[in-house]
């Protein structure tokens, strides 16, 4: 991933009255741990510059991401948004100015309940009327959307160098996912929609002193099914992804995580979510595994810094190994 242009960032930042006197040395780039953003610390202000990689329609994308931070802020479980540095020739992706949450990635498995509590704080937020949800999306059928993502990623299977038996197994899982989406369409349509952050792997949380966890990677928010968010954080490939908190969880750990969430979101949301939790976990495991197929073929993870890229390579290999896939399928019964 290309390094942030500190000169351009300093010029744009000091054009804002609140940062006019900021010295260039205040800007400190952080290691590239994520695929979509770079981060620069503003040392004396306890904020980060969150810099999207340049993309099509960068201005609209930046505005949408800023709105995601605003929508999540009432949860008090995400960083606050302090300002926006507009897209320009010098800053082709623009940047957001957000809180720097003091702390570190969660210590797992002991810290897993804190992640459930954080997601509960976000999922408890009452969504606006559907007409007022733009520019965030409200998928008409979130489960079919997940299946479509899996299918699109699996179009690359022949290029991923998998064991032929692994390809067959993943094809069978895709067939199951399609059947699940079709058979449960009407039932799932009645499930409550909430603000969901989507990419809930543990590396996207920071635990502050005192043990409270914050979700910091706000970029994919949609109004969708909270159970999909809840499931993703404890899928095997998601737990393995981040070099700073990779782990495995036992059944008791996952139970504690779900209990921490369910005790805070209310009976109705708990009841419908837990009724579908097992297939949601299977579905999101398959989505993440399919994303790893894409990463392997396209080499996306190689943009990460040093040890993070090396760790990602190993995590992808483990997730796509025949023995791992077979073991995971046994867990679904």
C-alpha atoms as a PDB file:
ATOM      1  CA  UNK A   1       0.000   0.000   0.000  1.00  0.00           C
ATOM      2  CA  UNK A   2       1.380   3.440  -0.890  1.00  0.00           C
ATOM      3  CA  UNK A   3       2.473   5.607   2.016  1.00  0.00           C
ATOM      4  CA  UNK A   4       0.332   8.593   3.045  1.00  0.00           C
ATOM      5  CA  UNK A   5       1.430  11.908   1.594  1.00  0.00           C
ATOM      6  CA  UNK A   6       2.247  13.694   4.851  1.00  0.00           C
ATOM      7  CA  UNK A   7       2.908  17.026   3.131  1.00  0.00           C
ATOM      8  CA  UNK A   8      -0.496  17.013   1.431  1.00  0.00           C
ATOM      9  CA  UNK A   9      -2.207  15.872   4.621  1.00  0.00           C
ATOM     10  CA  UNK A  10      -0.544  18.603   6.671  1.00  0.00           C
ATOM     11  CA  UNK A  11      -1.506  21.247   4.115  1.00  0.00           C
ATOM     12  CA  UNK A  12      -5.152  20.137   4.077  1.00  0.00           C
ATOM     13  CA  UNK A  13      -5.343  19.727   7.841  1.00  0.00           C
ATOM     14  CA  UNK A  14      -3.847  23.135   8.673  1.00  0.00           C
ATOM     15  CA  UNK A  15      -6.412  24.773   6.387  1.00  0.00           C
ATOM     16  CA  UNK A  16      -8.921  23.960   9.140  1.00  0.00           C
ATOM     17  CA  UNK A  17      -8.954  26.596  11.931  1.00  0.00           C
ATOM     18  CA  UNK A  18      -8.745  23.988  14.706  1.00  0.00           C
ATOM     19  CA  UNK A  19      -5.474  22.640  13.267  1.00  0.00           C
ATOM     20  CA  UNK A  20      -3.967  25.833  11.819  1.00  0.00           C
ATOM     21  CA  UNK A  21      -0.928  25.849  14.110  1.00  0.00           C
ATOM     22  CA  UNK A  22      -0.152  22.139  13.812  1.00  0.00           C
ATOM     23  CA  UNK A  23       3.516  21.332  13.174  1.00  0.00           C
ATOM     24  CA  UNK A  24       4.369  18.820  10.416  1.00  0.00           C
ATOM     25  CA  UNK A  25       6.134  16.599  12.962  1.00  0.00           C
ATOM     26  CA  UNK A  26       2.780  15.983  14.656  1.00  0.00           C
ATOM     27  CA  UNK A  27       1.798  13.613  11.821  1.00  0.00           C
ATOM     28  CA  UNK A  28       2.965  10.026  12.391  1.00  0.00           C
ATOM     29  CA  UNK A  29       2.009   7.283   9.906  1.00  0.00           C
ATOM     30  CA  UNK A  30       0.903   3.963  11.392  1.00  0.00           C
ATOM     31  CA  UNK A  31       1.639   0.489   9.975  1.00  0.00           C
ATOM     32  CA  UNK A  32      -0.626  -0.650   7.145  1.00  0.00           C
ATOM     33  CA  UNK A  33      -2.763  -3.282   8.894  1.00  0.00           C
ATOM     34  CA  UNK A  34      -5.906  -2.822   6.805  1.00  0.00           C
ATOM     35  CA  UNK A  35      -6.630  -3.259   3.116  1.00  0.00           C
ATOM     36  CA  UNK A  36      -8.770  -0.175   2.521  1.00  0.00           C
ATOM     37  CA  UNK A  37      -7.261   2.652   4.575  1.00  0.00           C
ATOM     38  CA  UNK A  38      -4.032   4.166   5.773  1.00  0.00           C
ATOM     39  CA  UNK A  39      -3.865   5.881   9.160  1.00  0.00           C
ATOM     40  CA  UNK A  40      -1.832   8.813  10.423  1.00  0.00           C
ATOM     41  CA  UNK A  41      -1.737   9.812  14.090  1.00  0.00           C
ATOM     42  CA  UNK A  42      -1.945  13.489  15.047  1.00  0.00           C
ATOM     43  CA  UNK A  43       0.105  13.161  18.213  1.00  0.00           C
ATOM     44  CA  UNK A  44      -1.074  16.041  20.378  1.00  0.00           C
ATOM     45  CA  UNK A  45      -4.743  15.921  19.401  1.00  0.00           C
ATOM     46  CA  UNK A  46      -5.643  12.277  20.075  1.00  0.00           C
ATOM     47  CA  UNK A  47      -7.113  11.915  16.612  1.00  0.00           C
ATOM     48  CA  UNK A  48      -6.307   9.839  13.553  1.00  0.00           C
ATOM     49  CA  UNK A  49      -6.447  10.741   9.899  1.00  0.00           C
ATOM     50  CA  UNK A  50      -8.231   7.864   8.230  1.00  0.00           C
ATOM     51  CA  UNK A  51      -7.199   7.866   4.575  1.00  0.00           C
ATOM     52  CA  UNK A  52      -9.146   5.740   2.077  1.00  0.00           C
ATOM     53  CA  UNK A  53      -7.321   4.292  -0.861  1.00  0.00           C
ATOM     54  CA  UNK A  54      -8.273   6.187  -4.025  1.00  0.00           C
ATOM     55  CA  UNK A  55     -11.342   4.685  -5.656  1.00  0.00           C
ATOM     56  CA  UNK A  56     -14.026   5.451  -8.205  1.00  0.00           C
ATOM     57  CA  UNK A  57     -16.444   8.132  -7.015  1.00  0.00           C
ATOM     58  CA  UNK A  58     -14.086   8.912  -4.146  1.00  0.00           C
ATOM     59  CA  UNK A  59     -16.016  12.003  -3.033  1.00  0.00           C
ATOM     60  CA  UNK A  60     -19.293  10.116  -2.666  1.00  0.00           C
ATOM     61  CA  UNK A  61     -17.504   7.224  -0.950  1.00  0.00           C
ATOM     62  CA  UNK A  62     -15.863   9.577   1.568  1.00  0.00           C
ATOM     63  CA  UNK A  63     -19.173  11.302   2.318  1.00  0.00           C
ATOM     64  CA  UNK A  64     -20.861   7.935   2.812  1.00  0.00           C
ATOM     65  CA  UNK A  65     -18.141   6.787   5.196  1.00  0.00           C
ATOM     66  CA  UNK A  66     -18.433  10.031   7.166  1.00  0.00           C
ATOM     67  CA  UNK A  67     -22.166   9.413   7.474  1.00  0.00           C
ATOM     68  CA  UNK A  68     -21.485   5.910   8.783  1.00  0.00           C
ATOM     69  CA  UNK A  69     -19.413   7.360  11.617  1.00  0.00           C
ATOM     70  CA  UNK A  70     -22.224   9.813  12.412  1.00  0.00           C
ATOM     71  CA  UNK A  71     -24.865   7.068  12.449  1.00  0.00           C
ATOM     72  CA  UNK A  72     -22.780   4.840  14.742  1.00  0.00           C
ATOM     73  CA  UNK A  73     -21.717   7.595  17.137  1.00  0.00           C
ATOM     74  CA  UNK A  74     -24.787   7.433  19.454  1.00  0.00           C
ATOM     75  CA  UNK A  75     -23.727   3.892  20.404  1.00  0.00           C
ATOM     76  CA  UNK A  76     -20.696   5.346  22.203  1.00  0.00           C
ATOM     77  CA  UNK A  77     -18.917   2.242  20.938  1.00  0.00           C
ATOM     78  CA  UNK A  78     -17.129   3.734  17.913  1.00  0.00           C
ATOM     79  CA  UNK A  79     -14.736   6.648  17.315  1.00  0.00           C
ATOM     80  CA  UNK A  80     -16.274  10.103  16.921  1.00  0.00           C
ATOM     81  CA  UNK A  81     -15.939  11.951  13.620  1.00  0.00           C
ATOM     82  CA  UNK A  82     -14.264  15.372  13.963  1.00  0.00           C
ATOM     83  CA  UNK A  83     -13.995  16.480  10.353  1.00  0.00           C
ATOM     84  CA  UNK A  84     -13.445  15.649   6.696  1.00  0.00           C
ATOM     85  CA  UNK A  85     -10.519  16.473   4.425  1.00  0.00           C
ATOM     86  CA  UNK A  86     -12.017  16.731   0.971  1.00  0.00           C
ATOM     87  CA  UNK A  87     -10.965  14.688  -2.036  1.00  0.00           C
ATOM     88  CA  UNK A  88      -8.453  16.629  -4.124  1.00  0.00           C
ATOM     89  CA  UNK A  89      -5.642  16.097  -6.602  1.00  0.00           C
ATOM     90  CA  UNK A  90      -3.234  15.815  -3.644  1.00  0.00           C
ATOM     91  CA  UNK A  91      -5.598  13.633  -1.581  1.00  0.00           C
ATOM     92  CA  UNK A  92      -7.366  11.439  -4.161  1.00  0.00           C
ATOM     93  CA  UNK A  93      -9.256   9.539  -1.464  1.00  0.00           C
ATOM     94  CA  UNK A  94      -9.682  12.437   0.963  1.00  0.00           C
ATOM     95  CA  UNK A  95      -9.507  11.657   4.683  1.00  0.00           C
ATOM     96  CA  UNK A  96     -11.603  11.585   7.833  1.00  0.00           C
ATOM     97  CA  UNK A  97     -10.525  12.995  11.192  1.00  0.00           C
ATOM     98  CA  UNK A  98     -11.642  10.573  13.903  1.00  0.00           C
ATOM     99  CA  UNK A  99     -10.900   9.780  17.549  1.00  0.00           C
ATOM    100  CA  UNK A 100      -7.807   7.777  18.290  1.00  0.00           C
ATOM    101  CA  UNK A 101      -9.041   5.202  20.787  1.00  0.00           C
ATOM    102  CA  UNK A 102      -6.321   4.535  23.371  1.00  0.00           C
ATOM    103  CA  UNK A 103      -5.725   0.863  23.964  1.00  0.00           C
ATOM    104  CA  UNK A 104      -4.887  -2.301  22.053  1.00  0.00           C
ATOM    105  CA  UNK A 105      -6.486  -5.145  20.168  1.00  0.00           C
ATOM    106  CA  UNK A 106      -8.496  -7.518  22.383  1.00  0.00           C
ATOM    107  CA  UNK A 107      -6.728 -10.204  24.379  1.00  0.00           C
ATOM    108  CA  UNK A 108      -8.521 -13.368  23.358  1.00  0.00           C
ATOM    109  CA  UNK A 109     -10.186 -15.580  24.276  1.00  0.00           C
ATOM    110  CA  UNK A 110     -10.701 -13.920  27.670  1.00  0.00           C
ATOM    111  CA  UNK A 111     -11.747 -10.596  26.123  1.00  0.00           C
ATOM    112  CA  UNK A 112     -14.325 -11.962  23.698  1.00  0.00           C
ATOM    113  CA  UNK A 113     -17.415 -10.924  25.754  1.00  0.00           C
ATOM    114  CA  UNK A 114     -16.391  -7.259  25.417  1.00  0.00           C
ATOM    115  CA  UNK A 115     -16.751  -7.579  21.639  1.00  0.00           C
ATOM    116  CA  UNK A 116     -20.289  -8.899  22.049  1.00  0.00           C
ATOM    117  CA  UNK A 117     -21.163  -5.948  24.284  1.00  0.00           C
ATOM    118  CA  UNK A 118     -19.761  -3.505  21.726  1.00  0.00           C
ATOM    119  CA  UNK A 119     -21.804  -4.967  18.903  1.00  0.00           C
ATOM    120  CA  UNK A 120     -24.870  -4.893  21.137  1.00  0.00           C
ATOM    121  CA  UNK A 121     -24.422  -1.150  21.686  1.00  0.00           C
ATOM    122  CA  UNK A 122     -24.432  -0.621  17.918  1.00  0.00           C
ATOM    123  CA  UNK A 123     -27.257  -3.039  17.179  1.00  0.00           C
ATOM    124  CA  UNK A 124     -29.462  -1.454  19.856  1.00  0.00           C
ATOM    125  CA  UNK A 125     -29.625   1.799  17.899  1.00  0.00           C
ATOM    126  CA  UNK A 126     -33.070   2.348  16.456  1.00  0.00           C
ATOM    127  CA  UNK A 127     -32.736   2.669  12.672  1.00  0.00           C
ATOM    128  CA  UNK A 128     -34.264   5.648  10.862  1.00  0.00           C
ATOM    129  CA  UNK A 129     -37.256   5.162   8.607  1.00  0.00           C
ATOM    130  CA  UNK A 130     -36.226   3.330   5.459  1.00  0.00           C
ATOM    131  CA  UNK A 131     -36.606   6.456   3.328  1.00  0.00           C
ATOM    132  CA  UNK A 132     -34.054   8.238   5.533  1.00  0.00           C
ATOM    133  CA  UNK A 133     -31.376   5.520   5.523  1.00  0.00           C
ATOM    134  CA  UNK A 134     -29.496   6.661   2.416  1.00  0.00           C
ATOM    135  CA  UNK A 135     -26.635   6.945   1.669  1.00  0.00           C
ATOM    136  CA  UNK A 136     -26.289   3.725   3.684  1.00  0.00           C
ATOM    137  CA  UNK A 137     -27.768   0.702   1.991  1.00  0.00           C
ATOM    138  CA  UNK A 138     -30.620  -1.494   3.202  1.00  0.00           C
ATOM    139  CA  UNK A 139     -30.307  -4.763   1.245  1.00  0.00           C
ATOM    140  CA  UNK A 140     -33.669  -6.139   0.204  1.00  0.00           C
ATOM    141  CA  UNK A 141     -32.511  -9.654   1.124  1.00  0.00           C
ATOM    142  CA  UNK A 142     -29.279  -9.655   3.167  1.00  0.00           C
ATOM    143  CA  UNK A 143     -28.864 -13.430   3.043  1.00  0.00           C
ATOM    144  CA  UNK A 144     -29.187 -13.559  -0.737  1.00  0.00           C
ATOM    145  CA  UNK A 145     -26.641 -10.740  -0.901  1.00  0.00           C
ATOM    146  CA  UNK A 146     -24.197 -12.865   1.115  1.00  0.00           C
ATOM    147  CA  UNK A 147     -24.826 -15.806  -1.192  1.00  0.00           C
ATOM    148  CA  UNK A 148     -24.214 -13.597  -4.229  1.00  0.00           C
ATOM    149  CA  UNK A 149     -20.891 -12.471  -2.751  1.00  0.00           C
ATOM    150  CA  UNK A 150     -19.867 -16.079  -2.123  1.00  0.00           C
ATOM    151  CA  UNK A 151     -20.803 -17.080  -5.653  1.00  0.00           C
ATOM    152  CA  UNK A 152     -18.890 -14.165  -7.194  1.00  0.00           C
ATOM    153  CA  UNK A 153     -15.770 -15.005  -5.196  1.00  0.00           C
ATOM    154  CA  UNK A 154     -16.038 -18.705  -6.025  1.00  0.00           C
ATOM    155  CA  UNK A 155     -15.919 -17.812  -9.721  1.00  0.00           C
ATOM    156  CA  UNK A 156     -12.160 -17.577  -9.030  1.00  0.00           C
ATOM    157  CA  UNK A 157     -11.856 -21.043  -7.493  1.00  0.00           C
ATOM    158  CA  UNK A 158     -10.147 -22.578 -10.510  1.00  0.00           C
ATOM    159  CA  UNK A 159      -7.323 -20.040 -10.164  1.00  0.00           C
ATOM    160  CA  UNK A 160      -6.808 -20.467  -6.421  1.00  0.00           C
ATOM    161  CA  UNK A 161      -4.736 -23.656  -6.447  1.00  0.00           C
ATOM    162  CA  UNK A 162      -7.009 -25.590  -4.091  1.00  0.00           C
ATOM    163  CA  UNK A 163      -7.096 -29.320  -3.598  1.00  0.00           C
ATOM    164  CA  UNK A 164      -9.812 -30.662  -5.957  1.00  0.00           C
ATOM    165  CA  UNK A 165     -11.633 -32.150  -2.964  1.00  0.00           C
ATOM    166  CA  UNK A 166     -11.668 -28.737  -1.298  1.00  0.00           C
ATOM    167  CA  UNK A 167     -13.235 -27.217  -4.412  1.00  0.00           C
ATOM    168  CA  UNK A 168     -15.934 -29.883  -4.377  1.00  0.00           C
ATOM    169  CA  UNK A 169     -16.624 -29.293  -0.680  1.00  0.00           C
ATOM    170  CA  UNK A 170     -16.929 -25.538  -1.151  1.00  0.00           C
ATOM    171  CA  UNK A 171     -19.239 -26.076  -4.109  1.00  0.00           C
ATOM    172  CA  UNK A 172     -21.464 -28.214  -1.900  1.00  0.00           C
ATOM    173  CA  UNK A 173     -21.452 -25.485   0.738  1.00  0.00           C
ATOM    174  CA  UNK A 174     -22.519 -22.933  -1.857  1.00  0.00           C
ATOM    175  CA  UNK A 175     -25.401 -25.210  -2.838  1.00  0.00           C
ATOM    176  CA  UNK A 176     -26.426 -25.377   0.825  1.00  0.00           C
ATOM    177  CA  UNK A 177     -26.273 -21.566   1.106  1.00  0.00           C
ATOM    178  CA  UNK A 178     -28.530 -21.098  -1.911  1.00  0.00           C
ATOM    179  CA  UNK A 179     -31.031 -23.580  -0.508  1.00  0.00           C
ATOM    180  CA  UNK A 180     -30.969 -21.895   2.903  1.00  0.00           C
ATOM    181  CA  UNK A 181     -31.618 -18.481   1.359  1.00  0.00           C
ATOM    182  CA  UNK A 182     -34.502 -19.785  -0.722  1.00  0.00           C
ATOM    183  CA  UNK A 183     -36.143 -21.876   1.995  1.00  0.00           C
ATOM    184  CA  UNK A 184     -35.966 -19.106   4.614  1.00  0.00           C
ATOM    185  CA  UNK A 185     -36.672 -16.029   2.522  1.00  0.00           C
ATOM    186  CA  UNK A 186     -40.070 -15.217   4.050  1.00  0.00           C
ATOM    187  CA  UNK A 187     -39.003 -15.971   7.623  1.00  0.00           C
ATOM    188  CA  UNK A 188     -35.860 -13.845   7.436  1.00  0.00           C
ATOM    189  CA  UNK A 189     -37.716 -10.964   5.764  1.00  0.00           C
ATOM    190  CA  UNK A 190     -39.530 -10.424   9.067  1.00  0.00           C
ATOM    191  CA  UNK A 191     -36.283 -10.126  11.070  1.00  0.00           C
ATOM    192  CA  UNK A 192     -35.421  -6.700  12.475  1.00  0.00           C
ATOM    193  CA  UNK A 193     -32.930  -4.506  10.625  1.00  0.00           C
ATOM    194  CA  UNK A 194     -30.273  -2.659  12.552  1.00  0.00           C
ATOM    195  CA  UNK A 195     -27.113  -0.722  11.800  1.00  0.00           C
ATOM    196  CA  UNK A 196     -24.488  -3.400  11.077  1.00  0.00           C
ATOM    197  CA  UNK A 197     -20.748  -2.842  10.709  1.00  0.00           C
ATOM    198  CA  UNK A 198     -20.166  -6.065   8.698  1.00  0.00           C
ATOM    199  CA  UNK A 199     -16.401  -6.692   9.033  1.00  0.00           C
ATOM    200  CA  UNK A 200     -16.415  -7.643  12.705  1.00  0.00           C
ATOM    201  CA  UNK A 201     -13.179  -9.641  12.919  1.00  0.00           C
ATOM    202  CA  UNK A 202     -11.463  -9.030  16.291  1.00  0.00           C
ATOM    203  CA  UNK A 203      -8.659  -6.943  14.787  1.00  0.00           C
ATOM    204  CA  UNK A 204     -11.205  -4.215  14.054  1.00  0.00           C
ATOM    205  CA  UNK A 205     -11.790  -3.664  17.783  1.00  0.00           C
ATOM    206  CA  UNK A 206      -9.671  -1.674  20.216  1.00  0.00           C
ATOM    207  CA  UNK A 207      -9.978  -2.298  23.951  1.00  0.00           C
ATOM    208  CA  UNK A 208      -9.444   0.823  26.049  1.00  0.00           C
ATOM    209  CA  UNK A 209      -7.974   0.803  29.575  1.00  0.00           C
ATOM    210  CA  UNK A 210     -10.693  -0.559  31.819  1.00  0.00           C
ATOM    211  CA  UNK A 211     -11.755  -3.236  29.340  1.00  0.00           C
ATOM    212  CA  UNK A 212     -14.304  -1.447  27.175  1.00  0.00           C
ATOM    213  CA  UNK A 213     -14.066  -2.374  23.484  1.00  0.00           C
ATOM    214  CA  UNK A 214     -14.660  -0.024  20.556  1.00  0.00           C
ATOM    215  CA  UNK A 215     -15.295  -0.956  16.942  1.00  0.00           C
ATOM    216  CA  UNK A 216     -12.979   1.255  14.895  1.00  0.00           C
ATOM    217  CA  UNK A 217     -13.161   0.175  11.247  1.00  0.00           C
ATOM    218  CA  UNK A 218     -16.292   1.990  10.112  1.00  0.00           C
ATOM    219  CA  UNK A 219     -16.503   1.636   6.335  1.00  0.00           C
ATOM    220  CA  UNK A 220     -19.055  -1.028   5.380  1.00  0.00           C
ATOM    221  CA  UNK A 221     -22.120  -0.128   7.456  1.00  0.00           C
ATOM    222  CA  UNK A 222     -25.519  -1.237   6.177  1.00  0.00           C
ATOM    223  CA  UNK A 223     -28.953  -1.714   7.688  1.00  0.00           C
ATOM    224  CA  UNK A 224     -29.056  -5.475   7.832  1.00  0.00           C
ATOM    225  CA  UNK A 225     -29.423  -8.497  10.115  1.00  0.00           C
ATOM    226  CA  UNK A 226     -27.440  -8.209  13.376  1.00  0.00           C
ATOM    227  CA  UNK A 227     -26.949 -11.959  13.468  1.00  0.00           C
ATOM    228  CA  UNK A 228     -24.629 -11.737  10.465  1.00  0.00           C
ATOM    229  CA  UNK A 229     -22.451  -9.210  12.320  1.00  0.00           C
ATOM    230  CA  UNK A 230     -22.507 -11.348  15.430  1.00  0.00           C
ATOM    231  CA  UNK A 231     -21.565 -14.484  13.505  1.00  0.00           C
ATOM    232  CA  UNK A 232     -18.627 -13.004  11.622  1.00  0.00           C
ATOM    233  CA  UNK A 233     -16.537 -12.122  14.682  1.00  0.00           C
ATOM    234  CA  UNK A 234     -16.332 -15.746  15.820  1.00  0.00           C
ATOM    235  CA  UNK A 235     -15.862 -17.528  12.503  1.00  0.00           C
ATOM    236  CA  UNK A 236     -12.620 -19.438  12.297  1.00  0.00           C
ATOM    237  CA  UNK A 237     -11.032 -17.488   9.398  1.00  0.00           C
ATOM    238  CA  UNK A 238     -12.024 -14.115  10.906  1.00  0.00           C
ATOM    239  CA  UNK A 239     -10.468 -15.074  14.242  1.00  0.00           C
ATOM    240  CA  UNK A 240      -7.243 -15.981  12.455  1.00  0.00           C
ATOM    241  CA  UNK A 241      -6.968 -12.875  10.283  1.00  0.00           C
ATOM    242  CA  UNK A 242      -5.250 -10.241  12.437  1.00  0.00           C
ATOM    243  CA  UNK A 243      -1.646 -10.875  13.454  1.00  0.00           C
ATOM    244  CA  UNK A 244      -2.084  -8.955  16.727  1.00  0.00           C
ATOM    245  CA  UNK A 245      -4.993 -10.977  18.115  1.00  0.00           C
ATOM    246  CA  UNK A 246      -5.296 -14.213  16.126  1.00  0.00           C
ATOM    247  CA  UNK A 247      -6.836 -16.984  18.207  1.00  0.00           C
ATOM    248  CA  UNK A 248      -9.229 -19.902  18.323  1.00  0.00           C
ATOM    249  CA  UNK A 249     -12.317 -20.105  20.508  1.00  0.00           C
ATOM    250  CA  UNK A 250     -14.008 -22.982  22.249  1.00  0.00           C
ATOM    251  CA  UNK A 251     -17.782 -23.410  22.622  1.00  0.00           C
ATOM    252  CA  UNK A 252     -17.755 -21.831  26.091  1.00  0.00           C
ATOM    253  CA  UNK A 253     -15.991 -18.723  24.739  1.00  0.00           C
ATOM    254  CA  UNK A 254     -18.541 -18.319  21.958  1.00  0.00           C
ATOM    255  CA  UNK A 255     -21.403 -18.822  24.412  1.00  0.00           C
ATOM    256  CA  UNK A 256     -19.980 -16.063  26.632  1.00  0.00           C
ATOM    257  CA  UNK A 257     -19.664 -13.733  23.639  1.00  0.00           C
ATOM    258  CA  UNK A 258     -23.239 -14.314  22.493  1.00  0.00           C
ATOM    259  CA  UNK A 259     -24.522 -13.970  26.060  1.00  0.00           C
ATOM    260  CA  UNK A 260     -22.769 -10.594  26.438  1.00  0.00           C
ATOM    261  CA  UNK A 261     -24.573  -9.442  23.286  1.00  0.00           C
ATOM    262  CA  UNK A 262     -27.980 -10.925  24.029  1.00  0.00           C
ATOM    263  CA  UNK A 263     -28.257  -9.524  27.554  1.00  0.00           C
ATOM    264  CA  UNK A 264     -28.030  -5.994  26.126  1.00  0.00           C
ATOM    265  CA  UNK A 265     -30.150  -6.024  22.960  1.00  0.00           C
ATOM    266  CA  UNK A 266     -33.502  -7.119  24.338  1.00  0.00           C
ATOM    267  CA  UNK A 267     -35.615 -10.233  24.190  1.00  0.00           C
ATOM    268  CA  UNK A 268     -37.146  -9.833  20.731  1.00  0.00           C
ATOM    269  CA  UNK A 269     -33.888  -9.296  18.870  1.00  0.00           C
ATOM    270  CA  UNK A 270     -32.201 -12.040  20.892  1.00  0.00           C
ATOM    271  CA  UNK A 271     -34.947 -14.558  20.175  1.00  0.00           C
ATOM    272  CA  UNK A 272     -34.987 -14.176  16.401  1.00  0.00           C
ATOM    273  CA  UNK A 273     -31.208 -13.916  16.076  1.00  0.00           C
ATOM    274  CA  UNK A 274     -30.378 -16.965  18.166  1.00  0.00           C
ATOM    275  CA  UNK A 275     -32.973 -18.991  16.267  1.00  0.00           C
ATOM    276  CA  UNK A 276     -30.860 -18.509  13.120  1.00  0.00           C
ATOM    277  CA  UNK A 277     -27.405 -18.258  14.652  1.00  0.00           C
ATOM    278  CA  UNK A 278     -26.081 -21.647  13.563  1.00  0.00           C
ATOM    279  CA  UNK A 279     -26.870 -21.216   9.839  1.00  0.00           C
ATOM    280  CA  UNK A 280     -25.716 -17.579  10.030  1.00  0.00           C
ATOM    281  CA  UNK A 281     -22.343 -18.747  11.362  1.00  0.00           C
ATOM    282  CA  UNK A 282     -22.091 -21.292   8.565  1.00  0.00           C
ATOM    283  CA  UNK A 283     -23.064 -18.718   5.950  1.00  0.00           C
ATOM    284  CA  UNK A 284     -20.598 -16.088   7.166  1.00  0.00           C
ATOM    285  CA  UNK A 285     -17.815 -18.676   7.477  1.00  0.00           C
ATOM    286  CA  UNK A 286     -18.408 -19.472   3.810  1.00  0.00           C
ATOM    287  CA  UNK A 287     -18.434 -15.774   2.877  1.00  0.00           C
ATOM    288  CA  UNK A 288     -15.096 -15.195   4.607  1.00  0.00           C
ATOM    289  CA  UNK A 289     -13.591 -18.328   3.106  1.00  0.00           C
ATOM    290  CA  UNK A 290     -14.722 -17.192  -0.339  1.00  0.00           C
ATOM    291  CA  UNK A 291     -13.126 -13.791   0.271  1.00  0.00           C
ATOM    292  CA  UNK A 292      -9.870 -15.566   1.043  1.00  0.00           C
ATOM    293  CA  UNK A 293     -10.147 -17.271  -2.343  1.00  0.00           C
ATOM    294  CA  UNK A 294     -10.301 -13.809  -3.933  1.00  0.00           C
ATOM    295  CA  UNK A 295      -7.399 -12.541  -1.835  1.00  0.00           C
ATOM    296  CA  UNK A 296      -5.236 -15.493  -2.893  1.00  0.00           C
ATOM    297  CA  UNK A 297      -6.000 -15.031  -6.579  1.00  0.00           C
ATOM    298  CA  UNK A 298      -5.735 -11.237  -6.642  1.00  0.00           C
ATOM    299  CA  UNK A 299      -2.962 -10.884  -4.053  1.00  0.00           C
ATOM    300  CA  UNK A 300      -4.870  -8.127  -2.253  1.00  0.00           C
ATOM    301  CA  UNK A 301      -3.342  -8.929   1.133  1.00  0.00           C
ATOM    302  CA  UNK A 302       0.174  -8.305  -0.179  1.00  0.00           C
ATOM    303  CA  UNK A 303      -0.473  -4.566   0.205  1.00  0.00           C
ATOM    304  CA  UNK A 304      -0.263  -4.969   3.981  1.00  0.00           C
ATOM    305  CA  UNK A 305       2.932  -4.122   5.833  1.00  0.00           C
ATOM    306  CA  UNK A 306       5.593  -6.751   6.498  1.00  0.00           C
ATOM    307  CA  UNK A 307       4.521  -9.207   9.157  1.00  0.00           C
ATOM    308  CA  UNK A 308       0.837  -8.454   8.553  1.00  0.00           C
ATOM    309  CA  UNK A 309       1.156  -9.551   4.940  1.00  0.00           C
ATOM    310  CA  UNK A 310       3.058 -12.681   5.989  1.00  0.00           C
ATOM    311  CA  UNK A 311       0.470 -13.521   8.620  1.00  0.00           C
ATOM    312  CA  UNK A 312      -2.390 -12.943   6.169  1.00  0.00           C
ATOM    313  CA  UNK A 313      -0.748 -15.312   3.681  1.00  0.00           C
ATOM    314  CA  UNK A 314      -0.660 -18.046   6.330  1.00  0.00           C
ATOM    315  CA  UNK A 315      -4.223 -17.367   7.473  1.00  0.00           C
ATOM    316  CA  UNK A 316      -5.485 -17.641   3.903  1.00  0.00           C
ATOM    317  CA  UNK A 317      -3.586 -20.885   3.337  1.00  0.00           C
ATOM    318  CA  UNK A 318      -4.986 -22.373   6.545  1.00  0.00           C
ATOM    319  CA  UNK A 319      -8.562 -21.380   5.720  1.00  0.00           C
ATOM    320  CA  UNK A 320      -8.389 -22.913   2.236  1.00  0.00           C
ATOM    321  CA  UNK A 321      -6.707 -26.133   3.340  1.00  0.00           C
ATOM    322  CA  UNK A 322      -8.786 -29.240   2.759  1.00  0.00           C
ATOM    323  CA  UNK A 323      -8.427 -30.423   6.362  1.00  0.00           C
ATOM    324  CA  UNK A 324      -9.644 -27.066   7.702  1.00  0.00           C
ATOM    325  CA  UNK A 325     -12.638 -27.034   5.376  1.00  0.00           C
ATOM    326  CA  UNK A 326     -13.520 -30.617   6.258  1.00  0.00           C
ATOM    327  CA  UNK A 327     -13.202 -29.916   9.977  1.00  0.00           C
ATOM    328  CA  UNK A 328     -15.400 -26.847   9.728  1.00  0.00           C
ATOM    329  CA  UNK A 329     -18.075 -28.717   7.790  1.00  0.00           C
ATOM    330  CA  UNK A 330     -18.174 -31.352  10.538  1.00  0.00           C
ATOM    331  CA  UNK A 331     -18.949 -28.565  13.010  1.00  0.00           C
ATOM    332  CA  UNK A 332     -22.074 -27.694  11.043  1.00  0.00           C
ATOM    333  CA  UNK A 333     -23.244 -31.303  11.173  1.00  0.00           C
END
